[in-house]
Each structure stands twice: as structure tokens, then as C-alpha cells.
C-alpha atoms as a PDB file:
ATOM      1  CA  UNK A   1     -29.168 -16.865 -72.611  1.00  0.00           C
ATOM      2  CA  UNK A   2     -27.389 -20.042 -71.552  1.00  0.00           C
ATOM      3  CA  UNK A   3     -27.850 -21.645 -68.120  1.00  0.00           C
ATOM      4  CA  UNK A   4     -24.657 -22.196 -66.133  1.00  0.00           C
ATOM      5  CA  UNK A   5     -23.362 -22.820 -62.674  1.00  0.00           C
ATOM      6  CA  UNK A   6     -21.037 -20.099 -61.430  1.00  0.00           C
ATOM      7  CA  UNK A   7     -18.055 -22.395 -62.012  1.00  0.00           C
ATOM      8  CA  UNK A   8     -19.080 -23.293 -65.562  1.00  0.00           C
ATOM      9  CA  UNK A   9     -19.865 -19.628 -66.339  1.00  0.00           C
ATOM     10  CA  UNK A  10     -16.328 -18.679 -65.303  1.00  0.00           C
ATOM     11  CA  UNK A  11     -14.902 -21.517 -67.394  1.00  0.00           C
ATOM     12  CA  UNK A  12     -16.977 -20.498 -70.431  1.00  0.00           C
ATOM     13  CA  UNK A  13     -15.792 -16.897 -70.110  1.00  0.00           C
ATOM     14  CA  UNK A  14     -12.142 -17.957 -69.928  1.00  0.00           C
ATOM     15  CA  UNK A  15     -12.591 -20.378 -72.843  1.00  0.00           C
ATOM     16  CA  UNK A  16     -14.064 -17.616 -75.002  1.00  0.00           C
ATOM     17  CA  UNK A  17     -11.285 -15.199 -74.073  1.00  0.00           C
ATOM     18  CA  UNK A  18      -8.557 -17.734 -74.943  1.00  0.00           C
ATOM     19  CA  UNK A  19     -10.281 -18.572 -78.217  1.00  0.00           C
ATOM     20  CA  UNK A  20     -10.915 -15.005 -79.353  1.00  0.00           C
ATOM     21  CA  UNK A  21      -7.782 -13.256 -78.043  1.00  0.00           C
ATOM     22  CA  UNK A  22      -4.182 -14.351 -78.543  1.00  0.00           C
ATOM     23  CA  UNK A  23      -2.970 -12.102 -75.714  1.00  0.00           C
ATOM     24  CA  UNK A  24      -4.804 -13.929 -72.891  1.00  0.00           C
ATOM     25  CA  UNK A  25      -2.775 -16.313 -70.712  1.00  0.00           C
ATOM     26  CA  UNK A  26      -3.781 -18.212 -67.549  1.00  0.00           C
ATOM     27  CA  UNK A  27      -1.373 -19.021 -64.702  1.00  0.00           C
ATOM     28  CA  UNK A  28      -1.685 -20.891 -61.409  1.00  0.00           C
ATOM     29  CA  UNK A  29      -0.675 -23.909 -59.395  1.00  0.00           C
ATOM     30  CA  UNK A  30      -3.635 -25.984 -60.620  1.00  0.00           C
ATOM     31  CA  UNK A  31      -4.770 -24.094 -63.737  1.00  0.00           C
ATOM     32  CA  UNK A  32      -3.751 -26.781 -66.216  1.00  0.00           C
ATOM     33  CA  UNK A  33      -3.675 -30.442 -65.233  1.00  0.00           C
ATOM     34  CA  UNK A  34      -5.589 -29.738 -62.014  1.00  0.00           C
ATOM     35  CA  UNK A  35      -8.434 -27.986 -63.814  1.00  0.00           C
ATOM     36  CA  UNK A  36      -8.500 -25.010 -61.447  1.00  0.00           C
ATOM     37  CA  UNK A  37     -10.683 -24.445 -58.392  1.00  0.00           C
ATOM     38  CA  UNK A  38     -14.085 -26.150 -58.852  1.00  0.00           C
ATOM     39  CA  UNK A  39     -13.113 -27.108 -62.410  1.00  0.00           C
ATOM     40  CA  UNK A  40     -13.113 -23.524 -63.638  1.00  0.00           C
ATOM     41  CA  UNK A  41     -10.225 -24.213 -66.049  1.00  0.00           C
ATOM     42  CA  UNK A  42     -10.841 -27.917 -66.715  1.00  0.00           C
ATOM     43  CA  UNK A  43      -9.730 -28.940 -70.215  1.00  0.00           C
ATOM     44  CA  UNK A  44      -8.409 -25.520 -71.201  1.00  0.00           C
ATOM     45  CA  UNK A  45      -4.758 -26.556 -71.167  1.00  0.00           C
ATOM     46  CA  UNK A  46      -5.502 -29.520 -73.422  1.00  0.00           C
ATOM     47  CA  UNK A  47      -7.412 -27.226 -75.774  1.00  0.00           C
ATOM     48  CA  UNK A  48      -5.071 -24.217 -75.889  1.00  0.00           C
ATOM     49  CA  UNK A  49      -1.677 -25.608 -74.878  1.00  0.00           C
ATOM     50  CA  UNK A  50       0.783 -25.257 -72.023  1.00  0.00           C
ATOM     51  CA  UNK A  51       2.011 -21.864 -73.233  1.00  0.00           C
ATOM     52  CA  UNK A  52      -1.478 -20.360 -72.774  1.00  0.00           C
ATOM     53  CA  UNK A  53      -2.591 -22.228 -69.629  1.00  0.00           C
ATOM     54  CA  UNK A  54       0.475 -22.490 -67.427  1.00  0.00           C
ATOM     55  CA  UNK A  55       0.939 -24.664 -64.336  1.00  0.00           C
ATOM     56  CA  UNK A  56       3.176 -23.044 -61.709  1.00  0.00           C
ATOM     57  CA  UNK A  57       4.727 -24.156 -58.406  1.00  0.00           C
ATOM     58  CA  UNK A  58       3.153 -23.120 -55.108  1.00  0.00           C
ATOM     59  CA  UNK A  59       4.794 -19.696 -55.014  1.00  0.00           C
ATOM     60  CA  UNK A  60       2.116 -17.009 -55.014  1.00  0.00           C
ATOM     61  CA  UNK A  61       4.376 -13.963 -54.945  1.00  0.00           C
ATOM     62  CA  UNK A  62       6.391 -15.292 -57.881  1.00  0.00           C
ATOM     63  CA  UNK A  63       3.213 -16.238 -59.789  1.00  0.00           C
ATOM     64  CA  UNK A  64       1.639 -12.799 -59.431  1.00  0.00           C
ATOM     65  CA  UNK A  65       4.986 -11.161 -60.182  1.00  0.00           C
ATOM     66  CA  UNK A  66       5.250 -13.192 -63.397  1.00  0.00           C
ATOM     67  CA  UNK A  67       1.670 -12.237 -64.290  1.00  0.00           C
ATOM     68  CA  UNK A  68       2.476  -8.543 -63.775  1.00  0.00           C
ATOM     69  CA  UNK A  69       5.507  -8.896 -66.033  1.00  0.00           C
ATOM     70  CA  UNK A  70       3.403 -10.534 -68.740  1.00  0.00           C
ATOM     71  CA  UNK A  71       0.787  -7.788 -68.413  1.00  0.00           C
ATOM     72  CA  UNK A  72       3.421  -5.072 -68.776  1.00  0.00           C
ATOM     73  CA  UNK A  73       4.703  -6.947 -71.817  1.00  0.00           C
ATOM     74  CA  UNK A  74       1.363  -6.762 -73.596  1.00  0.00           C
ATOM     75  CA  UNK A  75      -0.432  -9.910 -72.432  1.00  0.00           C
ATOM     76  CA  UNK A  76      -3.668 -10.102 -70.451  1.00  0.00           C
ATOM     77  CA  UNK A  77      -2.731 -12.303 -67.504  1.00  0.00           C
ATOM     78  CA  UNK A  78      -5.196 -14.238 -65.367  1.00  0.00           C
ATOM     79  CA  UNK A  79      -3.642 -15.741 -62.247  1.00  0.00           C
ATOM     80  CA  UNK A  80      -5.417 -17.972 -59.727  1.00  0.00           C
ATOM     81  CA  UNK A  81      -4.553 -17.697 -56.024  1.00  0.00           C
ATOM     82  CA  UNK A  82      -6.045 -20.615 -54.127  1.00  0.00           C
ATOM     83  CA  UNK A  83      -7.132 -18.801 -50.943  1.00  0.00           C
ATOM     84  CA  UNK A  84      -7.488 -15.280 -49.548  1.00  0.00           C
ATOM     85  CA  UNK A  85      -5.018 -16.306 -46.844  1.00  0.00           C
ATOM     86  CA  UNK A  86      -2.294 -16.103 -49.485  1.00  0.00           C
ATOM     87  CA  UNK A  87      -3.087 -12.541 -50.538  1.00  0.00           C
ATOM     88  CA  UNK A  88      -0.780 -11.151 -47.855  1.00  0.00           C
ATOM     89  CA  UNK A  89       2.170 -12.654 -49.733  1.00  0.00           C
ATOM     90  CA  UNK A  90       1.241 -10.824 -52.946  1.00  0.00           C
ATOM     91  CA  UNK A  91       0.047  -7.584 -51.347  1.00  0.00           C
ATOM     92  CA  UNK A  92       3.133  -5.550 -52.252  1.00  0.00           C
ATOM     93  CA  UNK A  93       3.190  -6.867 -55.826  1.00  0.00           C
ATOM     94  CA  UNK A  94      -0.464  -5.924 -56.331  1.00  0.00           C
ATOM     95  CA  UNK A  95       0.121  -2.498 -54.801  1.00  0.00           C
ATOM     96  CA  UNK A  96       3.028  -1.833 -57.162  1.00  0.00           C
ATOM     97  CA  UNK A  97       1.030  -3.017 -60.195  1.00  0.00           C
ATOM     98  CA  UNK A  98      -1.907  -0.790 -59.226  1.00  0.00           C
ATOM     99  CA  UNK A  99       0.434   2.171 -58.757  1.00  0.00           C
ATOM    100  CA  UNK A 100       2.002   1.670 -62.192  1.00  0.00           C
ATOM    101  CA  UNK A 101      -1.437   1.426 -63.815  1.00  0.00           C
ATOM    102  CA  UNK A 102      -2.661   4.531 -61.978  1.00  0.00           C
ATOM    103  CA  UNK A 103       0.239   6.574 -63.347  1.00  0.00           C
ATOM    104  CA  UNK A 104      -1.277   5.997 -66.785  1.00  0.00           C
ATOM    105  CA  UNK A 105       1.962   5.415 -68.684  1.00  0.00           C
ATOM    106  CA  UNK A 106       1.594   1.623 -68.880  1.00  0.00           C
ATOM    107  CA  UNK A 107      -1.326  -0.785 -69.158  1.00  0.00           C
ATOM    108  CA  UNK A 108      -1.406  -3.544 -66.527  1.00  0.00           C
ATOM    109  CA  UNK A 109      -4.219  -5.907 -67.648  1.00  0.00           C
ATOM    110  CA  UNK A 110      -4.065  -8.340 -64.738  1.00  0.00           C
ATOM    111  CA  UNK A 111      -6.875 -10.431 -63.249  1.00  0.00           C
ATOM    112  CA  UNK A 112      -6.316 -12.207 -59.918  1.00  0.00           C
ATOM    113  CA  UNK A 113      -8.996 -14.829 -59.214  1.00  0.00           C
ATOM    114  CA  UNK A 114      -9.375 -15.792 -55.545  1.00  0.00           C
ATOM    115  CA  UNK A 115     -11.855 -18.313 -54.087  1.00  0.00           C
ATOM    116  CA  UNK A 116     -13.237 -17.026 -50.809  1.00  0.00           C
ATOM    117  CA  UNK A 117     -15.474 -18.187 -47.977  1.00  0.00           C
ATOM    118  CA  UNK A 118     -16.025 -21.361 -45.996  1.00  0.00           C
ATOM    119  CA  UNK A 119     -13.980 -24.402 -46.949  1.00  0.00           C
ATOM    120  CA  UNK A 120     -14.159 -28.046 -45.930  1.00  0.00           C
ATOM    121  CA  UNK A 121     -13.981 -28.396 -42.162  1.00  0.00           C
ATOM    122  CA  UNK A 122     -15.743 -25.042 -41.738  1.00  0.00           C
ATOM    123  CA  UNK A 123     -12.456 -23.147 -41.951  1.00  0.00           C
ATOM    124  CA  UNK A 124     -13.025 -19.574 -43.113  1.00  0.00           C
ATOM    125  CA  UNK A 125     -10.461 -17.649 -45.110  1.00  0.00           C
ATOM    126  CA  UNK A 126      -9.092 -14.338 -43.966  1.00  0.00           C
ATOM    127  CA  UNK A 127     -11.460 -11.547 -45.099  1.00  0.00           C
ATOM    128  CA  UNK A 128     -10.065  -9.951 -48.242  1.00  0.00           C
ATOM    129  CA  UNK A 129     -12.304  -6.977 -49.012  1.00  0.00           C
ATOM    130  CA  UNK A 130     -11.088  -4.643 -46.279  1.00  0.00           C
ATOM    131  CA  UNK A 131      -7.440  -5.730 -46.609  1.00  0.00           C
ATOM    132  CA  UNK A 132      -7.318  -4.958 -50.324  1.00  0.00           C
ATOM    133  CA  UNK A 133      -9.243  -1.698 -49.911  1.00  0.00           C
ATOM    134  CA  UNK A 134      -6.008  -0.149 -48.654  1.00  0.00           C
ATOM    135  CA  UNK A 135      -4.404  -0.527 -52.116  1.00  0.00           C
ATOM    136  CA  UNK A 136      -5.040   2.663 -54.145  1.00  0.00           C
ATOM    137  CA  UNK A 137      -6.030   1.999 -57.745  1.00  0.00           C
ATOM    138  CA  UNK A 138      -6.836  -1.685 -57.230  1.00  0.00           C
ATOM    139  CA  UNK A 139     -10.328  -2.892 -58.168  1.00  0.00           C
ATOM    140  CA  UNK A 140     -11.742  -5.604 -55.886  1.00  0.00           C
ATOM    141  CA  UNK A 141     -15.035  -7.146 -57.008  1.00  0.00           C
ATOM    142  CA  UNK A 142     -17.209 -10.074 -55.975  1.00  0.00           C
ATOM    143  CA  UNK A 143     -20.025 -11.794 -57.877  1.00  0.00           C
ATOM    144  CA  UNK A 144     -23.214 -13.082 -56.296  1.00  0.00           C
ATOM    145  CA  UNK A 145     -24.683 -15.091 -59.210  1.00  0.00           C
ATOM    146  CA  UNK A 146     -23.366 -16.924 -62.288  1.00  0.00           C
ATOM    147  CA  UNK A 147     -24.337 -13.860 -64.335  1.00  0.00           C
ATOM    148  CA  UNK A 148     -22.403 -11.373 -62.205  1.00  0.00           C
ATOM    149  CA  UNK A 149     -19.376 -13.665 -61.787  1.00  0.00           C
ATOM    150  CA  UNK A 150     -19.103 -14.097 -65.566  1.00  0.00           C
ATOM    151  CA  UNK A 151     -19.864 -10.433 -66.288  1.00  0.00           C
ATOM    152  CA  UNK A 152     -17.268  -9.166 -63.830  1.00  0.00           C
ATOM    153  CA  UNK A 153     -14.641 -11.539 -65.238  1.00  0.00           C
ATOM    154  CA  UNK A 154     -15.459 -10.360 -68.770  1.00  0.00           C
ATOM    155  CA  UNK A 155     -15.079  -6.718 -67.670  1.00  0.00           C
ATOM    156  CA  UNK A 156     -11.846  -7.492 -65.815  1.00  0.00           C
ATOM    157  CA  UNK A 157     -10.397  -9.089 -68.959  1.00  0.00           C
ATOM    158  CA  UNK A 158     -11.041  -5.805 -70.777  1.00  0.00           C
ATOM    159  CA  UNK A 159      -9.558  -3.581 -68.074  1.00  0.00           C
ATOM    160  CA  UNK A 160      -6.187  -1.830 -68.325  1.00  0.00           C
ATOM    161  CA  UNK A 161      -5.738  -2.032 -64.552  1.00  0.00           C
ATOM    162  CA  UNK A 162      -5.328  -4.860 -62.019  1.00  0.00           C
ATOM    163  CA  UNK A 163      -8.576  -6.440 -60.826  1.00  0.00           C
ATOM    164  CA  UNK A 164      -9.003  -8.891 -57.943  1.00  0.00           C
ATOM    165  CA  UNK A 165     -12.055 -11.086 -58.516  1.00  0.00           C
ATOM    166  CA  UNK A 166     -13.295 -12.808 -55.355  1.00  0.00           C
ATOM    167  CA  UNK A 167     -15.254 -16.013 -56.061  1.00  0.00           C
ATOM    168  CA  UNK A 168     -17.422 -17.319 -53.191  1.00  0.00           C
ATOM    169  CA  UNK A 169     -16.968 -21.091 -52.903  1.00  0.00           C
ATOM    170  CA  UNK A 170     -20.552 -21.409 -51.675  1.00  0.00           C
ATOM    171  CA  UNK A 171     -21.805 -20.196 -55.070  1.00  0.00           C
ATOM    172  CA  UNK A 172     -19.692 -22.286 -57.456  1.00  0.00           C
ATOM    173  CA  UNK A 173     -22.585 -24.738 -57.942  1.00  0.00           C
ATOM    174  CA  UNK A 174     -25.367 -22.133 -58.006  1.00  0.00           C
ATOM    175  CA  UNK A 175     -27.243 -22.150 -61.320  1.00  0.00           C
ATOM    176  CA  UNK A 176     -28.601 -19.241 -63.328  1.00  0.00           C
ATOM    177  CA  UNK A 177     -28.874 -17.640 -66.740  1.00  0.00           C
ATOM    178  CA  UNK A 178     -25.746 -15.999 -68.125  1.00  0.00           C
ATOM    179  CA  UNK A 179     -25.697 -13.424 -70.914  1.00  0.00           C
ATOM    180  CA  UNK A 180     -21.926 -13.086 -71.170  1.00  0.00           C
ATOM    181  CA  UNK A 181     -22.118  -9.282 -71.149  1.00  0.00           C
ATOM    182  CA  UNK A 182     -19.570  -7.314 -69.089  1.00  0.00           C
ATOM    183  CA  UNK A 183     -20.704  -5.775 -65.802  1.00  0.00           C
ATOM    184  CA  UNK A 184     -19.319  -2.484 -64.487  1.00  0.00           C
ATOM    185  CA  UNK A 185     -16.476  -3.053 -62.036  1.00  0.00           C
ATOM    186  CA  UNK A 186     -17.209   0.028 -59.947  1.00  0.00           C
ATOM    187  CA  UNK A 187     -20.995   0.034 -59.551  1.00  0.00           C
ATOM    188  CA  UNK A 188     -23.296  -1.500 -56.962  1.00  0.00           C
ATOM    189  CA  UNK A 189     -26.552  -3.017 -58.228  1.00  0.00           C
ATOM    190  CA  UNK A 190     -30.045  -2.706 -56.748  1.00  0.00           C
ATOM    191  CA  UNK A 191     -31.331  -6.271 -57.187  1.00  0.00           C
ATOM    192  CA  UNK A 192     -34.649  -5.762 -55.391  1.00  0.00           C
ATOM    193  CA  UNK A 193     -36.627  -2.573 -54.872  1.00  0.00           C
ATOM    194  CA  UNK A 194     -38.021  -1.722 -51.434  1.00  0.00           C
ATOM    195  CA  UNK A 195     -39.241   1.165 -49.298  1.00  0.00           C
ATOM    196  CA  UNK A 196     -38.694   0.359 -45.622  1.00  0.00           C
ATOM    197  CA  UNK A 197     -35.090  -0.857 -45.223  1.00  0.00           C
ATOM    198  CA  UNK A 198     -31.948  -1.433 -47.304  1.00  0.00           C
ATOM    199  CA  UNK A 199     -30.164  -4.769 -47.041  1.00  0.00           C
ATOM    200  CA  UNK A 200     -26.681  -4.479 -48.559  1.00  0.00           C
ATOM    201  CA  UNK A 201     -24.448  -7.491 -49.110  1.00  0.00           C
ATOM    202  CA  UNK A 202     -21.894  -9.000 -51.436  1.00  0.00           C
ATOM    203  CA  UNK A 203     -21.023 -12.463 -52.671  1.00  0.00           C
ATOM    204  CA  UNK A 204     -22.799 -15.292 -50.893  1.00  0.00           C
ATOM    205  CA  UNK A 205     -24.731 -12.904 -48.630  1.00  0.00           C
ATOM    206  CA  UNK A 206     -26.754 -11.468 -51.546  1.00  0.00           C
ATOM    207  CA  UNK A 207     -28.881 -14.582 -52.240  1.00  0.00           C
ATOM    208  CA  UNK A 208     -29.447 -14.843 -48.480  1.00  0.00           C
ATOM    209  CA  UNK A 209     -30.548 -11.198 -48.316  1.00  0.00           C
ATOM    210  CA  UNK A 210     -32.932 -11.686 -51.244  1.00  0.00           C
ATOM    211  CA  UNK A 211     -34.526 -14.675 -49.531  1.00  0.00           C
ATOM    212  CA  UNK A 212     -34.921 -12.689 -46.318  1.00  0.00           C
ATOM    213  CA  UNK A 213     -36.547  -9.860 -48.294  1.00  0.00           C
ATOM    214  CA  UNK A 214     -39.013 -12.349 -49.790  1.00  0.00           C
ATOM    215  CA  UNK A 215     -40.025 -13.568 -46.336  1.00  0.00           C
ATOM    216  CA  UNK A 216     -40.266 -10.035 -44.940  1.00  0.00           C
ATOM    217  CA  UNK A 217     -42.555  -9.093 -47.830  1.00  0.00           C
ATOM    218  CA  UNK A 218     -45.127 -11.539 -46.436  1.00  0.00           C
ATOM    219  CA  UNK A 219     -45.058  -9.472 -43.221  1.00  0.00           C
ATOM    220  CA  UNK A 220     -45.626  -6.236 -45.189  1.00  0.00           C
ATOM    221  CA  UNK A 221     -41.991  -5.185 -44.732  1.00  0.00           C
ATOM    222  CA  UNK A 222     -40.578  -3.869 -48.021  1.00  0.00           C
ATOM    223  CA  UNK A 223     -36.822  -4.533 -48.125  1.00  0.00           C
ATOM    224  CA  UNK A 224     -34.539  -3.131 -50.794  1.00  0.00           C
ATOM    225  CA  UNK A 225     -31.529  -5.367 -51.588  1.00  0.00           C
ATOM    226  CA  UNK A 226     -28.266  -3.908 -52.870  1.00  0.00           C
ATOM    227  CA  UNK A 227     -25.473  -6.093 -54.252  1.00  0.00           C
ATOM    228  CA  UNK A 228     -22.295  -4.178 -53.433  1.00  0.00           C
ATOM    229  CA  UNK A 229     -20.360  -5.829 -56.338  1.00  0.00           C
ATOM    230  CA  UNK A 230     -17.351  -3.509 -55.956  1.00  0.00           C
ATOM    231  CA  UNK A 231     -15.676  -3.935 -52.580  1.00  0.00           C
ATOM    232  CA  UNK A 232     -13.025  -1.397 -53.522  1.00  0.00           C
ATOM    233  CA  UNK A 233     -13.779   1.252 -54.466  1.00  0.00           C
ATOM    234  CA  UNK A 234     -17.221   1.207 -52.821  1.00  0.00           C
ATOM    235  CA  UNK A 235     -19.963   2.767 -54.942  1.00  0.00           C
ATOM    236  CA  UNK A 236     -20.861   5.414 -52.374  1.00  0.00           C
ATOM    237  CA  UNK A 237     -23.332   7.176 -54.664  1.00  0.00           C
ATOM    238  CA  UNK A 238     -25.584   4.140 -55.182  1.00  0.00           C
ATOM    239  CA  UNK A 239     -25.319   3.082 -51.554  1.00  0.00           C
ATOM    240  CA  UNK A 240     -26.095   6.579 -50.287  1.00  0.00           C
ATOM    241  CA  UNK A 241     -29.111   6.920 -52.587  1.00  0.00           C
ATOM    242  CA  UNK A 242     -30.449   3.534 -51.423  1.00  0.00           C
ATOM    243  CA  UNK A 243     -30.200   4.487 -47.749  1.00  0.00           C
ATOM    244  CA  UNK A 244     -31.735   7.921 -48.334  1.00  0.00           C
ATOM    245  CA  UNK A 245     -34.689   6.175 -49.952  1.00  0.00           C
ATOM    246  CA  UNK A 246     -35.426   3.791 -47.078  1.00  0.00           C
ATOM    247  CA  UNK A 247     -33.883   5.581 -44.083  1.00  0.00           C
ATOM    248  CA  UNK A 248     -32.433   2.316 -42.782  1.00  0.00           C
ATOM    249  CA  UNK A 249     -29.468   0.068 -43.567  1.00  0.00           C
ATOM    250  CA  UNK A 250     -28.544  -3.471 -42.534  1.00  0.00           C
ATOM    251  CA  UNK A 251     -25.169  -4.708 -43.814  1.00  0.00           C
ATOM    252  CA  UNK A 252     -25.233  -8.478 -44.355  1.00  0.00           C
ATOM    253  CA  UNK A 253     -21.626  -9.598 -44.283  1.00  0.00           C
ATOM    254  CA  UNK A 254     -20.144 -12.980 -45.285  1.00  0.00           C
ATOM    255  CA  UNK A 255     -17.271 -13.146 -42.789  1.00  0.00           C
ATOM    256  CA  UNK A 256     -15.964  -9.596 -43.273  1.00  0.00           C
ATOM    257  CA  UNK A 257     -17.285  -7.384 -40.489  1.00  0.00           C
ATOM    258  CA  UNK A 258     -14.590  -4.756 -41.118  1.00  0.00           C
ATOM    259  CA  UNK A 259     -15.920  -4.107 -44.616  1.00  0.00           C
ATOM    260  CA  UNK A 260     -19.482  -4.058 -43.248  1.00  0.00           C
ATOM    261  CA  UNK A 261     -18.475  -1.374 -40.742  1.00  0.00           C
ATOM    262  CA  UNK A 262     -16.938   0.643 -43.577  1.00  0.00           C
ATOM    263  CA  UNK A 263     -20.281   0.476 -45.409  1.00  0.00           C
ATOM    264  CA  UNK A 264     -22.081   1.814 -42.361  1.00  0.00           C
ATOM    265  CA  UNK A 265     -19.563   4.654 -42.310  1.00  0.00           C
ATOM    266  CA  UNK A 266     -20.480   5.468 -45.919  1.00  0.00           C
ATOM    267  CA  UNK A 267     -24.174   5.432 -44.963  1.00  0.00           C
ATOM    268  CA  UNK A 268     -23.569   7.809 -42.066  1.00  0.00           C
ATOM    269  CA  UNK A 269     -21.593  10.140 -44.300  1.00  0.00           C
ATOM    270  CA  UNK A 270     -23.950  10.073 -47.275  1.00  0.00           C
ATOM    271  CA  UNK A 271     -27.355   9.778 -45.607  1.00  0.00           C
ATOM    272  CA  UNK A 272     -27.040  10.758 -41.935  1.00  0.00           C
ATOM    273  CA  UNK A 273     -29.994  13.150 -41.952  1.00  0.00           C
ATOM    274  CA  UNK A 274     -32.231  10.497 -43.548  1.00  0.00           C
ATOM    275  CA  UNK A 275     -31.567   7.693 -41.050  1.00  0.00           C
ATOM    276  CA  UNK A 276     -34.610   6.629 -39.044  1.00  0.00           C
ATOM    277  CA  UNK A 277     -32.884   3.871 -37.040  1.00  0.00           C
ATOM    278  CA  UNK A 278     -29.290   2.951 -36.154  1.00  0.00           C
ATOM    279  CA  UNK A 279     -27.348   1.166 -38.908  1.00  0.00           C
ATOM    280  CA  UNK A 280     -26.900  -2.541 -38.199  1.00  0.00           C
ATOM    281  CA  UNK A 281     -24.614  -5.430 -39.146  1.00  0.00           C
ATOM    282  CA  UNK A 282     -25.671  -9.080 -39.304  1.00  0.00           C
ATOM    283  CA  UNK A 283     -24.258 -12.349 -40.602  1.00  0.00           C
ATOM    284  CA  UNK A 284     -26.245 -14.066 -43.387  1.00  0.00           C
ATOM    285  CA  UNK A 285     -28.075 -16.540 -41.118  1.00  0.00           C
ATOM    286  CA  UNK A 286     -31.737 -16.385 -42.089  1.00  0.00           C
ATOM    287  CA  UNK A 287     -33.399 -15.974 -38.696  1.00  0.00           C
ATOM    288  CA  UNK A 288     -30.802 -13.440 -37.565  1.00  0.00           C
ATOM    289  CA  UNK A 289     -31.390 -11.358 -40.699  1.00  0.00           C
ATOM    290  CA  UNK A 290     -35.150 -11.396 -40.161  1.00  0.00           C
ATOM    291  CA  UNK A 291     -34.795 -10.384 -36.512  1.00  0.00           C
ATOM    292  CA  UNK A 292     -32.274  -7.564 -37.083  1.00  0.00           C
ATOM    293  CA  UNK A 293     -34.212  -6.202 -40.069  1.00  0.00           C
ATOM    294  CA  UNK A 294     -37.481  -6.163 -38.127  1.00  0.00           C
ATOM    295  CA  UNK A 295     -35.735  -4.362 -35.276  1.00  0.00           C
ATOM    296  CA  UNK A 296     -34.425  -1.762 -37.725  1.00  0.00           C
ATOM    297  CA  UNK A 297     -37.843  -1.167 -39.282  1.00  0.00           C
ATOM    298  CA  UNK A 298     -39.791  -1.035 -36.022  1.00  0.00           C
ATOM    299  CA  UNK A 299     -37.115   0.838 -34.040  1.00  0.00           C
END
């Protein structure tokens, strides 16, 4: 397996798709000459041409609308939206595309890539997971490592339905091995086994949860870590089984408390009789995670 940063893994996946498939086209305000967010499309326009990697004006609704039209016309369209704050403008377009795909008469192979999380100046984007969860038929996924970011993008490129891929800015420079294999768009992943408590997170909160689990292990606290992966639909089966195993859940949320509360609702519904302490929510600050997790275990 090759070693990549998250950004270079995304670029490598897009490069391979453009090279192997004539139907793939990239669109966005900085996709071509600008090289995309964090360089994720750097050099692709020079390599594949302006008809495959298309620079567009700052008009998100029009860009996503064009991408939907291309998808309905037989292309696989990948559009980059520069911030989750702009998703409101394309909400109706995404909802319509998801509805058309759900009817089953037409394929709508559309991938919307959206950087998310803290930006320069400590400004935080509007949380996207819970907003987009209200769109029936729309897949919303978020990677936590170079491997999962690349694998989810590969799976999204093969999907017949619209997929929103959230890309945590904090992880663009994270390094790791990448296999290039697709990863299921609708399944959570248990990334660390444990017996006493379940830490569930997504995106940038997953590495933080794994580090907290390592430290808790030294205190003889066995923490299971679940990477949610799919923010919509939530993999209730995997999440419920994880909570039934440990009897406790702590949702570690990266700036999306509404989604974290929805996860606790799933836990209450799927594993209420197994709970040994109240479900909890915590931000991915290390000391706060350790404190809240200890409180859950020793409740």
C-alpha cells in the first residue's frame, strides 16, 4: 500500500478515475488553475484538459445544478463546494437529485466534496451532518484517515446516487497507508475493540477518540471506538450492537452537537435496556474526553 496524506490520497483517487473512466468530470470554482482545496486537484486540469476539469464562477447553486445535469446525461460529476456554509444554497438541488435517484428511473452519479471544520482565524463552518440528514435518499459520509477518505471517494464515484463527502480540513495533512479499495458508504466501522465504554465519532474526532482510548487503557479502562463514517443514513445496527456490548456511549462530536444528540437517540432506541450509565456528549478536547469517559464508566 502507498503512503499518502489525506489530500494526496483524494488527488490520487481523482487522478485514477479521470485516467480510467471517460465519463468522470470535475467542476468547481478552484478545481483547475487553483488546484482545489489543499491541492486535491493540483495539476489535473493540465493533465486531462479544461473539458474534464472545469473552473466555474462562484455560484454554488448553478455549479451543483450543472453537475446534476451532467450526471443525468451519463457523466459522473464531482463538484467541489468550498465550505459547508454554502450548502444551504444547494440544499434544494441536492434534495431534487436525491429524489430522482430514489425513484430508480434515472442514475444520478454525483459527488459533492465539501471541506469542513475549523478554518484560519478559528472560524468554524456550519455543521453539515444534521442539516443534510433531512434529505431522503442522500448519502452523507465523512472520512477520518487517508484510507477512509480515499475509499469513500472511490465508492462515491461508483454510486448511482448523490453522495456528499465531507472532508475535515484538520486531516488534510494527516499521513497513512492507502489501499485504494472502496469503503461502504452506509456502514460504521469499529476501529478499536473495547469492553467498558463506546466512544463514537466521525471525521477529525476519530483520531482524538483513539488517542483517548489509548490513554484510558493505561488506567485499565477498555474503550471501544466506532467511526460513524455515514452521517446519513446512520448505521443504527452497528451503533446499537456496539452500545449493547459496552453498556455505555460517549459521542465525540467535531462541532455538530445536533448530530451527536441524534446518535444518543439511536442508542436509547437500540440499546436502552443495556445502558449502565447516561449517554454523554463531549467535544474532542483530550482532557474533556478522558474526564467524561471516566465518569461514564464509574457512574
